[in-house]
């Protein structure tokens, strides 16, 4: 016997729909946010994880997680990635300053390419 279809009640206000529509047309937003905005709008029109997943070319569980995140945190907060588990970074501010200083230093002059080449007579005979 097939299980009943799960329908999550997603309520989007007019301003949320407007912002999501603008985000789907954006060329500067990250692709992950644009894809999630498309998922939410498509689910708002047709509340079926399978249909939305098939239309957008993603797995239905991806759509389900996105919609459940939108219900829990709000539609615009659901567009961002969740924080990853694990220990916080332990790099100190002094180490960051040292790294930035190292990256911003002017490079030392090197030997020109013409001076690095061997003279024609110094190559091995088999080359």
C-alpha atoms as a PDB file:
ATOM      1  CA  UNK A   1       0.000   0.000   0.000  1.00  0.00           C
ATOM      2  CA  UNK A   2       1.377   3.392  -0.963  1.00  0.00           C
ATOM      3  CA  UNK A   3       1.974   5.990   1.694  1.00  0.00           C
ATOM      4  CA  UNK A   4      -0.003   9.183   1.671  1.00  0.00           C
ATOM      5  CA  UNK A   5       1.587  12.130  -0.053  1.00  0.00           C
ATOM      6  CA  UNK A   6       3.239  14.580   2.319  1.00  0.00           C
ATOM      7  CA  UNK A   7       2.176  18.168   1.723  1.00  0.00           C
ATOM      8  CA  UNK A   8       3.990  20.841   3.689  1.00  0.00           C
ATOM      9  CA  UNK A   9       2.054  24.065   4.098  1.00  0.00           C
ATOM     10  CA  UNK A  10       4.294  26.780   2.673  1.00  0.00           C
ATOM     11  CA  UNK A  11       2.916  30.288   3.043  1.00  0.00           C
ATOM     12  CA  UNK A  12       4.610  32.996   1.028  1.00  0.00           C
ATOM     13  CA  UNK A  13       3.576  36.625   1.286  1.00  0.00           C
ATOM     14  CA  UNK A  14       3.376  38.919  -1.721  1.00  0.00           C
ATOM     15  CA  UNK A  15       6.657  40.609  -0.818  1.00  0.00           C
ATOM     16  CA  UNK A  16       8.362  37.212  -0.409  1.00  0.00           C
ATOM     17  CA  UNK A  17       7.125  36.116  -3.838  1.00  0.00           C
ATOM     18  CA  UNK A  18       8.337  39.390  -5.351  1.00  0.00           C
ATOM     19  CA  UNK A  19      11.789  39.013  -3.796  1.00  0.00           C
ATOM     20  CA  UNK A  20      12.037  35.369  -4.868  1.00  0.00           C
ATOM     21  CA  UNK A  21      10.994  36.220  -8.426  1.00  0.00           C
ATOM     22  CA  UNK A  22      13.626  38.963  -8.584  1.00  0.00           C
ATOM     23  CA  UNK A  23      16.207  36.524  -7.238  1.00  0.00           C
ATOM     24  CA  UNK A  24      15.436  33.929  -9.919  1.00  0.00           C
ATOM     25  CA  UNK A  25      16.112  36.523 -12.616  1.00  0.00           C
ATOM     26  CA  UNK A  26      19.285  37.779 -10.972  1.00  0.00           C
ATOM     27  CA  UNK A  27      22.606  37.253 -12.694  1.00  0.00           C
ATOM     28  CA  UNK A  28      24.679  38.208  -9.661  1.00  0.00           C
ATOM     29  CA  UNK A  29      23.155  35.926  -7.017  1.00  0.00           C
ATOM     30  CA  UNK A  30      24.919  32.613  -6.371  1.00  0.00           C
ATOM     31  CA  UNK A  31      23.456  29.716  -8.343  1.00  0.00           C
ATOM     32  CA  UNK A  32      22.538  27.815  -5.181  1.00  0.00           C
ATOM     33  CA  UNK A  33      20.332  30.673  -3.943  1.00  0.00           C
ATOM     34  CA  UNK A  34      18.699  31.055  -7.372  1.00  0.00           C
ATOM     35  CA  UNK A  35      17.961  27.325  -7.515  1.00  0.00           C
ATOM     36  CA  UNK A  36      16.429  27.325  -4.058  1.00  0.00           C
ATOM     37  CA  UNK A  37      14.305  30.371  -4.929  1.00  0.00           C
ATOM     38  CA  UNK A  38      13.032  28.500  -8.008  1.00  0.00           C
ATOM     39  CA  UNK A  39      12.214  25.477  -5.836  1.00  0.00           C
ATOM     40  CA  UNK A  40      10.196  27.556  -3.394  1.00  0.00           C
ATOM     41  CA  UNK A  41       8.272  29.345  -6.140  1.00  0.00           C
ATOM     42  CA  UNK A  42       7.553  26.110  -7.988  1.00  0.00           C
ATOM     43  CA  UNK A  43       6.392  24.409  -4.781  1.00  0.00           C
ATOM     44  CA  UNK A  44       4.209  27.422  -4.025  1.00  0.00           C
ATOM     45  CA  UNK A  45       2.478  26.937  -7.400  1.00  0.00           C
ATOM     46  CA  UNK A  46       2.307  23.113  -7.303  1.00  0.00           C
ATOM     47  CA  UNK A  47       2.790  21.544  -3.824  1.00  0.00           C
ATOM     48  CA  UNK A  48       4.377  18.305  -5.010  1.00  0.00           C
ATOM     49  CA  UNK A  49       7.993  17.467  -4.193  1.00  0.00           C
ATOM     50  CA  UNK A  50       8.187  14.996  -7.074  1.00  0.00           C
ATOM     51  CA  UNK A  51       6.731  17.354  -9.687  1.00  0.00           C
ATOM     52  CA  UNK A  52       8.982  20.240  -8.655  1.00  0.00           C
ATOM     53  CA  UNK A  53      12.035  17.996  -8.542  1.00  0.00           C
ATOM     54  CA  UNK A  54      11.276  16.589 -11.987  1.00  0.00           C
ATOM     55  CA  UNK A  55      10.689  20.063 -13.438  1.00  0.00           C
ATOM     56  CA  UNK A  56      13.911  21.514 -12.004  1.00  0.00           C
ATOM     57  CA  UNK A  57      16.082  18.437 -12.475  1.00  0.00           C
ATOM     58  CA  UNK A  58      16.804  17.807  -8.792  1.00  0.00           C
ATOM     59  CA  UNK A  59      15.899  15.001  -6.419  1.00  0.00           C
ATOM     60  CA  UNK A  60      12.581  15.295  -4.590  1.00  0.00           C
ATOM     61  CA  UNK A  61      14.375  15.128  -1.225  1.00  0.00           C
ATOM     62  CA  UNK A  62      16.313  18.257  -2.151  1.00  0.00           C
ATOM     63  CA  UNK A  63      13.025  20.068  -2.725  1.00  0.00           C
ATOM     64  CA  UNK A  64      11.606  18.668   0.502  1.00  0.00           C
ATOM     65  CA  UNK A  65      14.593  19.857   2.571  1.00  0.00           C
ATOM     66  CA  UNK A  66      14.406  23.316   1.005  1.00  0.00           C
ATOM     67  CA  UNK A  67      10.680  23.650   1.690  1.00  0.00           C
ATOM     68  CA  UNK A  68      11.003  22.372   5.262  1.00  0.00           C
ATOM     69  CA  UNK A  69      13.822  24.849   5.873  1.00  0.00           C
ATOM     70  CA  UNK A  70      11.614  27.637   4.491  1.00  0.00           C
ATOM     71  CA  UNK A  71       8.792  26.658   6.840  1.00  0.00           C
ATOM     72  CA  UNK A  72      11.149  26.548   9.818  1.00  0.00           C
ATOM     73  CA  UNK A  73      13.284  29.652   9.199  1.00  0.00           C
ATOM     74  CA  UNK A  74      11.386  31.704   6.618  1.00  0.00           C
ATOM     75  CA  UNK A  75      11.614  31.715   2.823  1.00  0.00           C
ATOM     76  CA  UNK A  76      14.527  34.147   2.498  1.00  0.00           C
ATOM     77  CA  UNK A  77      16.572  32.565   5.294  1.00  0.00           C
ATOM     78  CA  UNK A  78      16.101  29.142   3.663  1.00  0.00           C
ATOM     79  CA  UNK A  79      18.063  30.278   0.626  1.00  0.00           C
ATOM     80  CA  UNK A  80      21.352  30.375   2.539  1.00  0.00           C
ATOM     81  CA  UNK A  81      23.481  27.334   3.294  1.00  0.00           C
ATOM     82  CA  UNK A  82      23.207  25.835   6.744  1.00  0.00           C
ATOM     83  CA  UNK A  83      26.281  26.190   8.950  1.00  0.00           C
ATOM     84  CA  UNK A  84      28.500  23.146   8.787  1.00  0.00           C
ATOM     85  CA  UNK A  85      29.205  21.062  11.872  1.00  0.00           C
ATOM     86  CA  UNK A  86      32.619  20.942  13.416  1.00  0.00           C
ATOM     87  CA  UNK A  87      35.035  22.917  15.461  1.00  0.00           C
ATOM     88  CA  UNK A  88      35.400  26.629  14.893  1.00  0.00           C
ATOM     89  CA  UNK A  89      38.554  27.876  13.208  1.00  0.00           C
ATOM     90  CA  UNK A  90      41.379  28.589  15.638  1.00  0.00           C
ATOM     91  CA  UNK A  91      43.533  30.904  13.535  1.00  0.00           C
ATOM     92  CA  UNK A  92      44.411  33.979  15.530  1.00  0.00           C
ATOM     93  CA  UNK A  93      44.099  37.551  14.366  1.00  0.00           C
ATOM     94  CA  UNK A  94      47.916  37.919  14.461  1.00  0.00           C
ATOM     95  CA  UNK A  95      48.253  34.931  12.118  1.00  0.00           C
ATOM     96  CA  UNK A  96      45.670  36.440   9.758  1.00  0.00           C
ATOM     97  CA  UNK A  97      47.546  39.756   9.752  1.00  0.00           C
ATOM     98  CA  UNK A  98      50.833  37.948   9.011  1.00  0.00           C
ATOM     99  CA  UNK A  99      49.263  36.056   6.112  1.00  0.00           C
ATOM    100  CA  UNK A 100      47.731  39.204   4.609  1.00  0.00           C
ATOM    101  CA  UNK A 101      51.065  41.011   4.994  1.00  0.00           C
ATOM    102  CA  UNK A 102      52.873  38.137   3.300  1.00  0.00           C
ATOM    103  CA  UNK A 103      50.375  38.077   0.416  1.00  0.00           C
ATOM    104  CA  UNK A 104      50.557  41.836  -0.114  1.00  0.00           C
ATOM    105  CA  UNK A 105      54.357  42.123  -0.195  1.00  0.00           C
ATOM    106  CA  UNK A 106      56.035  42.998  -3.436  1.00  0.00           C
ATOM    107  CA  UNK A 107      57.737  40.002  -5.002  1.00  0.00           C
ATOM    108  CA  UNK A 108      61.513  39.912  -5.063  1.00  0.00           C
ATOM    109  CA  UNK A 109      62.989  40.374  -8.531  1.00  0.00           C
ATOM    110  CA  UNK A 110      63.931  37.062 -10.082  1.00  0.00           C
ATOM    111  CA  UNK A 111      66.441  36.067 -12.717  1.00  0.00           C
ATOM    112  CA  UNK A 112      65.106  36.841 -16.201  1.00  0.00           C
ATOM    113  CA  UNK A 113      64.081  33.877 -18.343  1.00  0.00           C
ATOM    114  CA  UNK A 114      66.844  34.516 -20.898  1.00  0.00           C
ATOM    115  CA  UNK A 115      69.501  34.150 -18.210  1.00  0.00           C
ATOM    116  CA  UNK A 116      68.052  30.815 -17.004  1.00  0.00           C
ATOM    117  CA  UNK A 117      68.393  29.032 -20.342  1.00  0.00           C
ATOM    118  CA  UNK A 118      71.424  26.903 -21.018  1.00  0.00           C
ATOM    119  CA  UNK A 119      73.729  27.684 -23.892  1.00  0.00           C
ATOM    120  CA  UNK A 120      73.101  25.570 -26.988  1.00  0.00           C
ATOM    121  CA  UNK A 121      76.317  23.573 -26.583  1.00  0.00           C
ATOM    122  CA  UNK A 122      75.523  22.444 -23.029  1.00  0.00           C
ATOM    123  CA  UNK A 123      72.552  20.243 -23.959  1.00  0.00           C
ATOM    124  CA  UNK A 124      73.089  16.463 -23.883  1.00  0.00           C
ATOM    125  CA  UNK A 125      73.591  14.813 -27.274  1.00  0.00           C
ATOM    126  CA  UNK A 126      70.476  12.613 -27.033  1.00  0.00           C
ATOM    127  CA  UNK A 127      68.076  15.522 -26.542  1.00  0.00           C
END
